[in-house]
Amino acid sequence: MPSTEISLRTSTIADLAVVDALLSRAYPKLLKAHYPPSVLVTALPLISRAQPVLLQSGTYYVAEVEGHGIVGAGGWTRDRGSRHLGHIRHVVSDDRFQRRGIARALIRHTLNAAQAQAITEMECWSTLTAEPFYAALGFVSEGPMEITLRPGIGFPSVRMRMALPAARRRS
């Protein structure tokens, strides 16, 4: 497999259509093995849409590969109730570029950026599909959960956490 040179940058609203297309194309393929069709038929239209506010947040990133454009996206947001808790948000990598380090690079970048903003703990509501990936990065499962996407529409997930060391102060 040829090496993949990954470039990361902060997303902008101009990335909306491309990230939207990536989510719409990749999520059905990536989630198919771990979710029954009855769950995917109701959940996919809700979870495979790019979120404009997130893309403009300054804490959401895209991964690009020369000649292929955006092949991954993901980021974090600060918890509303705890200034030291962050949440991994809407991570996706192109299903045609699996196992090339794209999601890993995005998560590492995300964790470093969050740590620089005094986040000391990161929470992730992982898909069943991504649980082993997050565990390999050091996230610890706190058990199953169901995310309510809309009244009557739930999405089985796994709550995971990771402690981040306090960022060193620059002298």
N, C-alpha and C. Protein backbone atom coordinates (compact mmCIF):
# COMPACT_ATOMS: atom_id res chain seq x y z
N MET A 1 0.86 -1.18 0.00
CA MET A 1 0.00 0.00 0.00
C MET A 1 0.89 1.23 0.00
N PRO A 2 0.69 2.17 -0.94
CA PRO A 2 1.52 3.37 -0.99
C PRO A 2 1.30 4.22 0.25
N SER A 3 2.35 4.98 0.62
CA SER A 3 2.21 5.85 1.79
C SER A 3 1.26 6.99 1.46
N THR A 4 0.64 7.49 2.50
CA THR A 4 -0.33 8.56 2.34
C THR A 4 0.16 9.77 3.12
N GLU A 5 0.47 10.84 2.42
CA GLU A 5 0.88 12.09 3.06
C GLU A 5 -0.39 12.83 3.47
N ILE A 6 -0.60 12.96 4.78
CA ILE A 6 -1.82 13.56 5.31
C ILE A 6 -1.54 14.99 5.74
N SER A 7 -2.37 15.89 5.30
CA SER A 7 -2.29 17.30 5.70
C SER A 7 -3.55 17.63 6.50
N LEU A 8 -3.37 18.23 7.68
CA LEU A 8 -4.50 18.60 8.52
C LEU A 8 -4.64 20.11 8.58
N ARG A 9 -5.89 20.56 8.60
CA ARG A 9 -6.17 21.99 8.76
C ARG A 9 -7.51 22.18 9.44
N THR A 10 -7.71 23.37 9.99
CA THR A 10 -8.99 23.70 10.61
C THR A 10 -10.04 23.84 9.50
N SER A 11 -11.18 23.28 9.71
CA SER A 11 -12.26 23.35 8.71
C SER A 11 -12.86 24.74 8.64
N THR A 12 -13.52 25.00 7.54
CA THR A 12 -14.26 26.25 7.34
C THR A 12 -15.63 25.88 6.76
N ILE A 13 -16.51 26.84 6.71
CA ILE A 13 -17.84 26.61 6.14
C ILE A 13 -17.74 26.23 4.66
N ALA A 14 -16.67 26.61 4.00
CA ALA A 14 -16.48 26.25 2.59
C ALA A 14 -16.30 24.73 2.42
N ASP A 15 -15.99 24.02 3.49
CA ASP A 15 -15.82 22.57 3.43
C ASP A 15 -17.13 21.81 3.59
N LEU A 16 -18.21 22.52 3.83
CA LEU A 16 -19.49 21.88 4.15
C LEU A 16 -19.91 20.82 3.14
N ALA A 17 -19.95 21.14 1.88
CA ALA A 17 -20.44 20.19 0.88
C ALA A 17 -19.56 18.96 0.79
N VAL A 18 -18.24 19.14 0.88
CA VAL A 18 -17.33 18.01 0.76
C VAL A 18 -17.42 17.10 1.99
N VAL A 19 -17.48 17.69 3.19
CA VAL A 19 -17.60 16.89 4.41
C VAL A 19 -18.95 16.19 4.43
N ASP A 20 -19.99 16.89 4.01
CA ASP A 20 -21.32 16.30 3.92
C ASP A 20 -21.30 15.07 3.00
N ALA A 21 -20.68 15.20 1.84
CA ALA A 21 -20.60 14.08 0.90
C ALA A 21 -19.77 12.92 1.48
N LEU A 22 -18.69 13.26 2.19
CA LEU A 22 -17.85 12.23 2.81
C LEU A 22 -18.64 11.44 3.86
N LEU A 23 -19.34 12.14 4.73
CA LEU A 23 -20.16 11.47 5.75
C LEU A 23 -21.23 10.60 5.11
N SER A 24 -21.90 11.14 4.11
CA SER A 24 -22.99 10.42 3.44
C SER A 24 -22.50 9.17 2.72
N ARG A 25 -21.28 9.22 2.20
CA ARG A 25 -20.74 8.07 1.48
C ARG A 25 -20.10 7.05 2.44
N ALA A 26 -19.36 7.54 3.44
CA ALA A 26 -18.57 6.63 4.28
C ALA A 26 -19.38 5.96 5.39
N TYR A 27 -20.22 6.72 6.10
CA TYR A 27 -20.92 6.14 7.24
C TYR A 27 -21.74 4.89 6.89
N PRO A 28 -22.51 4.88 5.81
CA PRO A 28 -23.27 3.65 5.52
C PRO A 28 -22.37 2.43 5.34
N LYS A 29 -21.23 2.62 4.69
CA LYS A 29 -20.32 1.51 4.46
C LYS A 29 -19.60 1.09 5.74
N LEU A 30 -19.15 2.07 6.52
CA LEU A 30 -18.37 1.77 7.72
C LEU A 30 -19.21 1.19 8.85
N LEU A 31 -20.46 1.60 8.95
CA LEU A 31 -21.31 1.18 10.07
C LEU A 31 -22.11 -0.10 9.78
N LYS A 32 -22.17 -0.48 8.54
CA LYS A 32 -23.01 -1.60 8.10
C LYS A 32 -22.76 -2.90 8.86
N ALA A 33 -21.51 -3.19 9.20
CA ALA A 33 -21.18 -4.46 9.85
C ALA A 33 -21.63 -4.53 11.31
N HIS A 34 -21.88 -3.38 11.95
CA HIS A 34 -22.18 -3.37 13.38
C HIS A 34 -23.59 -2.92 13.74
N TYR A 35 -24.36 -2.52 12.75
CA TYR A 35 -25.72 -2.03 13.02
C TYR A 35 -26.71 -2.70 12.08
N PRO A 36 -27.87 -3.09 12.59
CA PRO A 36 -28.87 -3.70 11.72
C PRO A 36 -29.49 -2.64 10.79
N PRO A 37 -29.99 -3.07 9.65
CA PRO A 37 -30.62 -2.14 8.72
C PRO A 37 -31.73 -1.31 9.37
N SER A 38 -32.45 -1.87 10.33
CA SER A 38 -33.53 -1.13 10.98
C SER A 38 -33.01 0.09 11.74
N VAL A 39 -31.80 0.03 12.26
CA VAL A 39 -31.20 1.18 12.93
C VAL A 39 -30.64 2.16 11.90
N LEU A 40 -29.94 1.64 10.91
CA LEU A 40 -29.30 2.50 9.92
C LEU A 40 -30.30 3.30 9.09
N VAL A 41 -31.43 2.70 8.77
CA VAL A 41 -32.41 3.39 7.93
C VAL A 41 -32.94 4.66 8.60
N THR A 42 -33.02 4.66 9.92
CA THR A 42 -33.51 5.86 10.61
C THR A 42 -32.38 6.77 11.05
N ALA A 43 -31.22 6.19 11.40
CA ALA A 43 -30.12 6.99 11.94
C ALA A 43 -29.27 7.67 10.86
N LEU A 44 -28.98 6.99 9.79
CA LEU A 44 -28.08 7.55 8.79
C LEU A 44 -28.49 8.92 8.25
N PRO A 45 -29.76 9.14 7.95
CA PRO A 45 -30.12 10.49 7.46
C PRO A 45 -29.83 11.59 8.49
N LEU A 46 -29.75 11.22 9.77
CA LEU A 46 -29.53 12.21 10.82
C LEU A 46 -28.05 12.38 11.17
N ILE A 47 -27.28 11.31 11.11
CA ILE A 47 -25.87 11.41 11.53
C ILE A 47 -24.91 11.65 10.38
N SER A 48 -25.33 11.43 9.17
CA SER A 48 -24.41 11.58 8.04
C SER A 48 -24.60 12.91 7.31
N ARG A 49 -24.77 13.95 8.11
CA ARG A 49 -24.88 15.32 7.58
C ARG A 49 -23.85 16.18 8.30
N ALA A 50 -23.11 16.96 7.56
CA ALA A 50 -22.14 17.88 8.16
C ALA A 50 -22.88 18.94 8.96
N GLN A 51 -22.28 19.37 10.04
CA GLN A 51 -22.88 20.37 10.92
C GLN A 51 -22.18 21.71 10.73
N PRO A 52 -22.87 22.69 10.13
CA PRO A 52 -22.23 23.99 9.84
C PRO A 52 -21.61 24.64 11.07
N VAL A 53 -22.28 24.61 12.20
CA VAL A 53 -21.73 25.24 13.41
C VAL A 53 -20.42 24.57 13.81
N LEU A 54 -20.36 23.26 13.71
CA LEU A 54 -19.15 22.52 14.05
C LEU A 54 -18.01 22.86 13.08
N LEU A 55 -18.32 22.93 11.79
CA LEU A 55 -17.29 23.24 10.81
C LEU A 55 -16.71 24.64 11.00
N GLN A 56 -17.46 25.53 11.60
CA GLN A 56 -16.99 26.91 11.83
C GLN A 56 -16.48 27.13 13.24
N SER A 57 -16.42 26.08 14.05
CA SER A 57 -16.10 26.21 15.47
C SER A 57 -14.65 26.54 15.77
N GLY A 58 -13.75 26.25 14.85
CA GLY A 58 -12.33 26.42 15.11
C GLY A 58 -11.71 25.20 15.79
N THR A 59 -12.53 24.21 16.15
CA THR A 59 -12.03 22.99 16.79
C THR A 59 -12.42 21.74 16.00
N TYR A 60 -12.71 21.94 14.73
CA TYR A 60 -13.04 20.84 13.84
C TYR A 60 -12.04 20.90 12.69
N TYR A 61 -11.55 19.74 12.27
CA TYR A 61 -10.44 19.69 11.33
C TYR A 61 -10.75 18.76 10.16
N VAL A 62 -10.08 19.01 9.06
CA VAL A 62 -10.17 18.12 7.92
C VAL A 62 -8.78 17.59 7.59
N ALA A 63 -8.77 16.36 7.10
CA ALA A 63 -7.54 15.71 6.64
C ALA A 63 -7.59 15.66 5.13
N GLU A 64 -6.51 16.08 4.51
CA GLU A 64 -6.45 16.08 3.05
C GLU A 64 -5.26 15.25 2.59
N VAL A 65 -5.43 14.62 1.45
CA VAL A 65 -4.36 13.88 0.79
C VAL A 65 -4.25 14.47 -0.61
N GLU A 66 -3.05 14.86 -0.97
CA GLU A 66 -2.85 15.49 -2.28
C GLU A 66 -3.39 14.61 -3.40
N GLY A 67 -4.14 15.23 -4.28
CA GLY A 67 -4.74 14.52 -5.39
C GLY A 67 -6.08 13.88 -5.06
N HIS A 68 -6.46 13.88 -3.78
CA HIS A 68 -7.71 13.25 -3.36
C HIS A 68 -8.61 14.20 -2.57
N GLY A 69 -8.09 15.33 -2.15
CA GLY A 69 -8.88 16.29 -1.38
C GLY A 69 -9.13 15.82 0.04
N ILE A 70 -10.27 16.19 0.58
CA ILE A 70 -10.62 15.86 1.97
C ILE A 70 -10.98 14.38 2.07
N VAL A 71 -10.25 13.67 2.93
CA VAL A 71 -10.46 12.24 3.12
C VAL A 71 -10.80 11.90 4.57
N GLY A 72 -10.93 12.93 5.40
CA GLY A 72 -11.29 12.70 6.79
C GLY A 72 -11.67 14.00 7.46
N ALA A 73 -12.40 13.88 8.56
CA ALA A 73 -12.80 15.06 9.32
C ALA A 73 -13.09 14.63 10.75
N GLY A 74 -12.95 15.57 11.66
CA GLY A 74 -13.27 15.31 13.06
C GLY A 74 -12.74 16.42 13.93
N GLY A 75 -13.21 16.46 15.14
CA GLY A 75 -12.75 17.50 16.05
C GLY A 75 -13.29 17.33 17.44
N TRP A 76 -13.44 18.45 18.13
CA TRP A 76 -13.88 18.40 19.52
C TRP A 76 -14.63 19.68 19.87
N THR A 77 -15.39 19.59 20.95
CA THR A 77 -16.02 20.78 21.52
C THR A 77 -15.88 20.68 23.04
N ARG A 78 -15.89 21.85 23.67
CA ARG A 78 -15.81 21.91 25.13
C ARG A 78 -17.18 21.59 25.70
N ASP A 79 -17.20 20.87 26.81
CA ASP A 79 -18.43 20.56 27.51
C ASP A 79 -19.06 21.84 28.05
N ARG A 80 -20.36 21.94 27.97
CA ARG A 80 -21.04 23.15 28.47
C ARG A 80 -20.98 23.27 29.99
N GLY A 81 -20.88 22.14 30.68
CA GLY A 81 -20.92 22.19 32.14
C GLY A 81 -19.58 22.10 32.83
N SER A 82 -18.55 21.67 32.13
CA SER A 82 -17.23 21.51 32.73
C SER A 82 -16.17 22.07 31.79
N ARG A 83 -15.46 23.07 32.24
CA ARG A 83 -14.49 23.72 31.35
C ARG A 83 -13.27 22.86 31.04
N HIS A 84 -13.10 21.74 31.77
CA HIS A 84 -11.94 20.88 31.53
C HIS A 84 -12.31 19.58 30.80
N LEU A 85 -13.57 19.45 30.41
CA LEU A 85 -14.03 18.26 29.69
C LEU A 85 -14.33 18.62 28.24
N GLY A 86 -13.80 17.81 27.34
CA GLY A 86 -14.08 17.99 25.92
C GLY A 86 -14.77 16.76 25.36
N HIS A 87 -15.35 16.92 24.18
CA HIS A 87 -16.06 15.82 23.51
C HIS A 87 -15.53 15.66 22.09
N ILE A 88 -15.16 14.44 21.74
CA ILE A 88 -14.80 14.13 20.35
C ILE A 88 -16.07 14.28 19.53
N ARG A 89 -15.94 14.89 18.34
CA ARG A 89 -17.13 15.18 17.53
C ARG A 89 -16.98 14.72 16.08
N HIS A 90 -17.98 14.04 15.61
CA HIS A 90 -18.27 13.73 14.21
C HIS A 90 -17.03 13.34 13.39
N VAL A 91 -16.35 12.28 13.83
CA VAL A 91 -15.15 11.81 13.15
C VAL A 91 -15.53 10.88 12.01
N VAL A 92 -14.87 11.07 10.89
CA VAL A 92 -15.09 10.20 9.74
C VAL A 92 -13.81 10.14 8.91
N SER A 93 -13.56 8.98 8.35
CA SER A 93 -12.49 8.88 7.36
C SER A 93 -13.07 8.17 6.14
N ASP A 94 -12.56 8.54 5.01
CA ASP A 94 -13.02 8.00 3.75
C ASP A 94 -12.85 6.48 3.76
N ASP A 95 -13.91 5.76 3.46
CA ASP A 95 -13.85 4.29 3.47
C ASP A 95 -12.84 3.75 2.46
N ARG A 96 -12.50 4.54 1.46
CA ARG A 96 -11.52 4.11 0.46
C ARG A 96 -10.08 4.31 0.95
N PHE A 97 -9.93 4.98 2.09
CA PHE A 97 -8.60 5.27 2.65
C PHE A 97 -8.43 4.67 4.04
N GLN A 98 -9.14 3.60 4.33
CA GLN A 98 -9.05 2.97 5.65
C GLN A 98 -7.64 2.42 5.88
N ARG A 99 -7.25 2.43 7.15
CA ARG A 99 -5.99 1.86 7.59
C ARG A 99 -4.76 2.59 7.02
N ARG A 100 -4.91 3.89 6.81
CA ARG A 100 -3.78 4.69 6.34
C ARG A 100 -3.42 5.80 7.33
N GLY A 101 -3.98 5.74 8.53
CA GLY A 101 -3.61 6.67 9.58
C GLY A 101 -4.37 7.98 9.59
N ILE A 102 -5.41 8.10 8.78
CA ILE A 102 -6.14 9.36 8.68
C ILE A 102 -6.89 9.67 9.98
N ALA A 103 -7.70 8.74 10.45
CA ALA A 103 -8.46 8.97 11.68
C ALA A 103 -7.52 9.12 12.87
N ARG A 104 -6.47 8.35 12.92
CA ARG A 104 -5.49 8.44 14.00
C ARG A 104 -4.84 9.83 14.01
N ALA A 105 -4.47 10.34 12.85
CA ALA A 105 -3.87 11.67 12.77
C ALA A 105 -4.87 12.75 13.23
N LEU A 106 -6.11 12.60 12.82
CA LEU A 106 -7.14 13.56 13.24
C LEU A 106 -7.34 13.54 14.75
N ILE A 107 -7.41 12.36 15.34
CA ILE A 107 -7.63 12.26 16.79
C ILE A 107 -6.42 12.79 17.54
N ARG A 108 -5.23 12.46 17.11
CA ARG A 108 -4.03 12.99 17.79
C ARG A 108 -4.01 14.52 17.73
N HIS A 109 -4.30 15.06 16.57
CA HIS A 109 -4.35 16.52 16.42
C HIS A 109 -5.43 17.12 17.32
N THR A 110 -6.57 16.49 17.34
CA THR A 110 -7.68 16.93 18.18
C THR A 110 -7.31 16.92 19.66
N LEU A 111 -6.70 15.84 20.12
CA LEU A 111 -6.32 15.73 21.52
C LEU A 111 -5.26 16.78 21.89
N ASN A 112 -4.30 16.99 21.01
CA ASN A 112 -3.28 18.02 21.26
C ASN A 112 -3.89 19.41 21.32
N ALA A 113 -4.80 19.70 20.41
CA ALA A 113 -5.45 21.01 20.39
C ALA A 113 -6.29 21.22 21.65
N ALA A 114 -7.01 20.20 22.05
CA ALA A 114 -7.85 20.29 23.26
C ALA A 114 -6.97 20.46 24.50
N GLN A 115 -5.91 19.71 24.56
CA GLN A 115 -4.99 19.80 25.70
C GLN A 115 -4.40 21.21 25.80
N ALA A 116 -4.09 21.82 24.67
CA ALA A 116 -3.56 23.18 24.67
C ALA A 116 -4.59 24.19 25.17
N GLN A 117 -5.86 23.81 25.16
CA GLN A 117 -6.94 24.68 25.65
C GLN A 117 -7.39 24.27 27.06
N ALA A 118 -6.51 23.61 27.80
CA ALA A 118 -6.73 23.21 29.19
C ALA A 118 -7.78 22.12 29.39
N ILE A 119 -8.06 21.35 28.34
CA ILE A 119 -8.93 20.19 28.49
C ILE A 119 -8.10 19.08 29.11
N THR A 120 -8.59 18.49 30.20
CA THR A 120 -7.86 17.44 30.88
C THR A 120 -8.54 16.07 30.78
N GLU A 121 -9.74 16.07 30.21
CA GLU A 121 -10.46 14.81 30.01
C GLU A 121 -11.27 14.91 28.72
N MET A 122 -11.22 13.85 27.93
CA MET A 122 -11.95 13.84 26.67
C MET A 122 -12.94 12.68 26.71
N GLU A 123 -14.17 12.98 26.31
CA GLU A 123 -15.22 11.97 26.23
C GLU A 123 -15.55 11.73 24.77
N CYS A 124 -15.90 10.50 24.46
CA CYS A 124 -16.26 10.14 23.10
C CYS A 124 -17.48 9.24 23.16
N TRP A 125 -18.48 9.55 22.37
CA TRP A 125 -19.64 8.69 22.21
C TRP A 125 -19.39 7.91 20.91
N SER A 126 -18.70 6.82 21.04
CA SER A 126 -18.23 6.06 19.89
C SER A 126 -19.34 5.22 19.26
N THR A 127 -19.22 5.05 17.96
CA THR A 127 -20.06 4.05 17.31
C THR A 127 -19.55 2.68 17.74
N LEU A 128 -20.36 1.67 17.57
CA LEU A 128 -19.93 0.31 17.87
C LEU A 128 -18.74 -0.06 16.97
N THR A 129 -18.75 0.43 15.76
CA THR A 129 -17.70 0.17 14.79
C THR A 129 -16.36 0.72 15.25
N ALA A 130 -16.35 1.92 15.80
CA ALA A 130 -15.10 2.61 16.14
C ALA A 130 -14.58 2.31 17.54
N GLU A 131 -15.32 1.57 18.35
CA GLU A 131 -14.87 1.31 19.72
C GLU A 131 -13.45 0.73 19.79
N PRO A 132 -13.10 -0.28 18.99
CA PRO A 132 -11.73 -0.80 19.06
C PRO A 132 -10.68 0.24 18.67
N PHE A 133 -11.00 1.08 17.73
CA PHE A 133 -10.09 2.16 17.31
C PHE A 133 -9.80 3.10 18.48
N TYR A 134 -10.85 3.58 19.14
CA TYR A 134 -10.65 4.49 20.26
C TYR A 134 -9.93 3.79 21.42
N ALA A 135 -10.24 2.54 21.67
CA ALA A 135 -9.56 1.79 22.73
C ALA A 135 -8.06 1.69 22.43
N ALA A 136 -7.71 1.48 21.18
CA ALA A 136 -6.29 1.40 20.79
C ALA A 136 -5.57 2.72 21.01
N LEU A 137 -6.31 3.82 21.00
CA LEU A 137 -5.71 5.14 21.24
C LEU A 137 -5.64 5.50 22.72
N GLY A 138 -6.22 4.66 23.58
CA GLY A 138 -6.16 4.91 25.00
C GLY A 138 -7.47 5.31 25.65
N PHE A 139 -8.54 5.39 24.89
CA PHE A 139 -9.84 5.66 25.48
C PHE A 139 -10.32 4.40 26.21
N VAL A 140 -11.00 4.60 27.32
CA VAL A 140 -11.51 3.49 28.13
C VAL A 140 -13.03 3.49 28.04
N SER A 141 -13.58 2.33 27.78
CA SER A 141 -15.04 2.20 27.68
C SER A 141 -15.69 2.33 29.05
N GLU A 142 -16.75 3.12 29.08
CA GLU A 142 -17.58 3.22 30.29
C GLU A 142 -18.89 2.47 30.10
N GLY A 143 -19.02 1.81 28.97
CA GLY A 143 -20.18 0.98 28.73
C GLY A 143 -21.09 1.50 27.63
N PRO A 144 -22.09 0.69 27.30
CA PRO A 144 -23.01 1.05 26.23
C PRO A 144 -23.91 2.21 26.62
N MET A 145 -24.36 2.93 25.61
CA MET A 145 -25.31 4.01 25.80
C MET A 145 -26.13 4.12 24.52
N GLU A 146 -27.22 4.82 24.61
CA GLU A 146 -28.01 5.08 23.41
C GLU A 146 -28.16 6.58 23.26
N ILE A 147 -27.78 7.07 22.10
CA ILE A 147 -27.91 8.49 21.80
C ILE A 147 -29.28 8.71 21.19
N THR A 148 -30.04 9.64 21.75
CA THR A 148 -31.33 9.98 21.18
C THR A 148 -31.10 10.99 20.07
N LEU A 149 -31.33 10.57 18.83
CA LEU A 149 -31.13 11.45 17.68
C LEU A 149 -32.34 12.36 17.47
N ARG A 150 -33.50 11.80 17.69
CA ARG A 150 -34.79 12.49 17.66
C ARG A 150 -35.71 11.66 18.53
N PRO A 151 -36.82 12.23 18.97
CA PRO A 151 -37.75 11.40 19.75
C PRO A 151 -38.11 10.11 19.00
N GLY A 152 -37.88 8.99 19.66
CA GLY A 152 -38.18 7.70 19.06
C GLY A 152 -37.08 7.12 18.21
N ILE A 153 -35.99 7.87 18.00
CA ILE A 153 -34.88 7.37 17.18
C ILE A 153 -33.62 7.36 18.03
N GLY A 154 -33.21 6.15 18.41
CA GLY A 154 -32.01 5.98 19.22
C GLY A 154 -30.90 5.36 18.39
N PHE A 155 -29.67 5.60 18.84
CA PHE A 155 -28.50 5.07 18.14
C PHE A 155 -27.56 4.44 19.16
N PRO A 156 -27.40 3.10 19.13
CA PRO A 156 -26.52 2.43 20.08
C PRO A 156 -25.08 2.89 19.93
N SER A 157 -24.47 3.25 21.05
CA SER A 157 -23.11 3.77 21.07
C SER A 157 -22.38 3.26 22.31
N VAL A 158 -21.14 3.71 22.46
CA VAL A 158 -20.33 3.35 23.61
C VAL A 158 -19.72 4.63 24.17
N ARG A 159 -19.95 4.89 25.46
CA ARG A 159 -19.34 6.06 26.10
C ARG A 159 -17.90 5.69 26.46
N MET A 160 -16.96 6.53 26.01
CA MET A 160 -15.54 6.28 26.27
C MET A 160 -14.90 7.55 26.79
N ARG A 161 -13.85 7.39 27.60
CA ARG A 161 -13.14 8.54 28.17
C ARG A 161 -11.64 8.34 28.12
N MET A 162 -10.96 9.48 28.13
CA MET A 162 -9.51 9.48 28.19
C MET A 162 -9.06 10.68 29.01
N ALA A 163 -8.15 10.44 29.96
CA ALA A 163 -7.56 11.54 30.71
C ALA A 163 -6.41 12.11 29.88
N LEU A 164 -6.35 13.43 29.86
CA LEU A 164 -5.26 14.11 29.16
C LEU A 164 -4.35 14.77 30.19
N PRO A 165 -3.05 14.64 30.02
CA PRO A 165 -2.18 15.32 30.97
C PRO A 165 -2.34 16.83 30.84
N ALA A 166 -2.17 17.51 31.93
CA ALA A 166 -2.26 18.98 31.89
C ALA A 166 -1.18 19.50 30.94
N ALA A 167 -1.55 20.46 30.12
CA ALA A 167 -0.61 21.05 29.17
C ALA A 167 0.50 21.78 29.93
N ARG A 168 1.71 21.65 29.43
CA ARG A 168 2.82 22.36 30.07
C ARG A 168 2.72 23.84 29.79
N ARG A 169 3.04 24.61 30.79
CA ARG A 169 3.05 26.06 30.61
C ARG A 169 4.31 26.46 29.86
N ARG A 170 4.13 27.34 28.93
CA ARG A 170 5.28 27.85 28.18
C ARG A 170 5.94 28.95 28.99
N SER A 171 7.28 28.90 29.06
CA SER A 171 7.95 29.95 29.82
C SER A 171 8.49 31.02 28.92
